[in-house]
Amino acid sequence: MSILWNPPNCNAPASLRAVMAVAWYGIRTWLASTAVVLLTPQLAPGPDACHRHSAATAPRP
């Protein structure tokens, strides 16, 4: 009965598909994290940018 559920030649293609899925998941995760690292300073600048435009540093008339 187990021959119906696990034919002898099915392990290699399934293993290859699993390895490719893990690799593709890793590549997509790396690309997404790189995009977050590059876009975060542009969307939410650090405290230096906020301090530069604060009222405390503005010249008084």
Protein backbone atom coordinates (compact mmCIF):
# COMPACT_ATOMS: atom_id res chain seq x y z
CA MET A 1 0.00 0.00 0.00
CA SER A 2 2.88 2.40 0.65
CA ILE A 3 3.97 2.14 -2.98
CA LEU A 4 0.87 4.11 -3.94
CA TRP A 5 1.73 6.99 -1.62
CA ASN A 6 5.50 7.08 -2.08
CA PRO A 7 6.68 5.90 -5.51
CA PRO A 8 10.46 5.35 -5.58
CA ASN A 9 11.22 8.03 -8.19
CA CYS A 10 9.30 10.92 -6.59
CA ASN A 11 11.79 11.88 -3.89
CA ALA A 12 14.33 13.63 -6.13
CA PRO A 13 11.90 16.04 -7.87
CA ALA A 14 10.19 16.87 -4.58
CA SER A 15 13.51 17.51 -2.86
CA LEU A 16 14.69 19.71 -5.73
CA ARG A 17 11.45 21.68 -5.61
CA ALA A 18 11.85 22.15 -1.85
CA VAL A 19 15.44 23.38 -2.21
CA MET A 20 14.43 25.86 -4.92
CA ALA A 21 11.53 27.12 -2.79
CA VAL A 22 13.79 27.75 0.18
CA ALA A 23 16.35 29.52 -2.02
CA TRP A 24 13.70 31.68 -3.67
CA TYR A 25 12.22 32.58 -0.27
CA GLY A 26 15.69 33.63 0.91
CA ILE A 27 16.31 35.76 -2.18
CA ARG A 28 12.95 37.51 -1.85
CA THR A 29 13.54 38.14 1.85
CA TRP A 30 16.98 39.60 1.15
CA LEU A 31 15.61 41.90 -1.58
CA ALA A 32 12.74 43.07 0.63
CA SER A 33 15.03 43.80 3.56
CA THR A 34 17.38 45.74 1.30
CA ALA A 35 14.44 47.80 0.03
CA VAL A 36 13.35 48.55 3.60
CA VAL A 37 16.87 49.62 4.56
CA LEU A 38 17.12 51.93 1.54
CA LEU A 39 13.62 53.44 1.82
CA THR A 40 13.38 53.95 5.58
CA PRO A 41 15.71 57.00 5.76
CA GLN A 42 13.80 58.65 2.93
CA LEU A 43 10.36 58.05 4.40
CA ALA A 44 11.25 58.66 8.05
CA PRO A 45 14.36 60.80 8.42
CA GLY A 46 16.30 60.58 11.64
CA PRO A 47 16.35 63.01 14.56
CA ASP A 48 19.01 65.18 12.89
CA ALA A 49 16.56 66.19 10.17
CA CYS A 50 13.89 67.02 12.76
CA HIS A 51 16.30 69.08 14.84
CA ARG A 52 17.48 71.00 11.81
CA HIS A 53 13.92 72.21 11.09
CA SER A 54 12.74 72.78 14.66
CA ALA A 55 11.61 76.12 16.05
CA ALA A 56 14.47 76.15 18.57
CA THR A 57 17.06 76.55 15.80
CA ALA A 58 15.09 79.03 13.70
CA PRO A 59 16.49 82.58 13.70
CA ARG A 60 14.49 85.11 15.66
CA PRO A 61 13.30 88.25 13.90
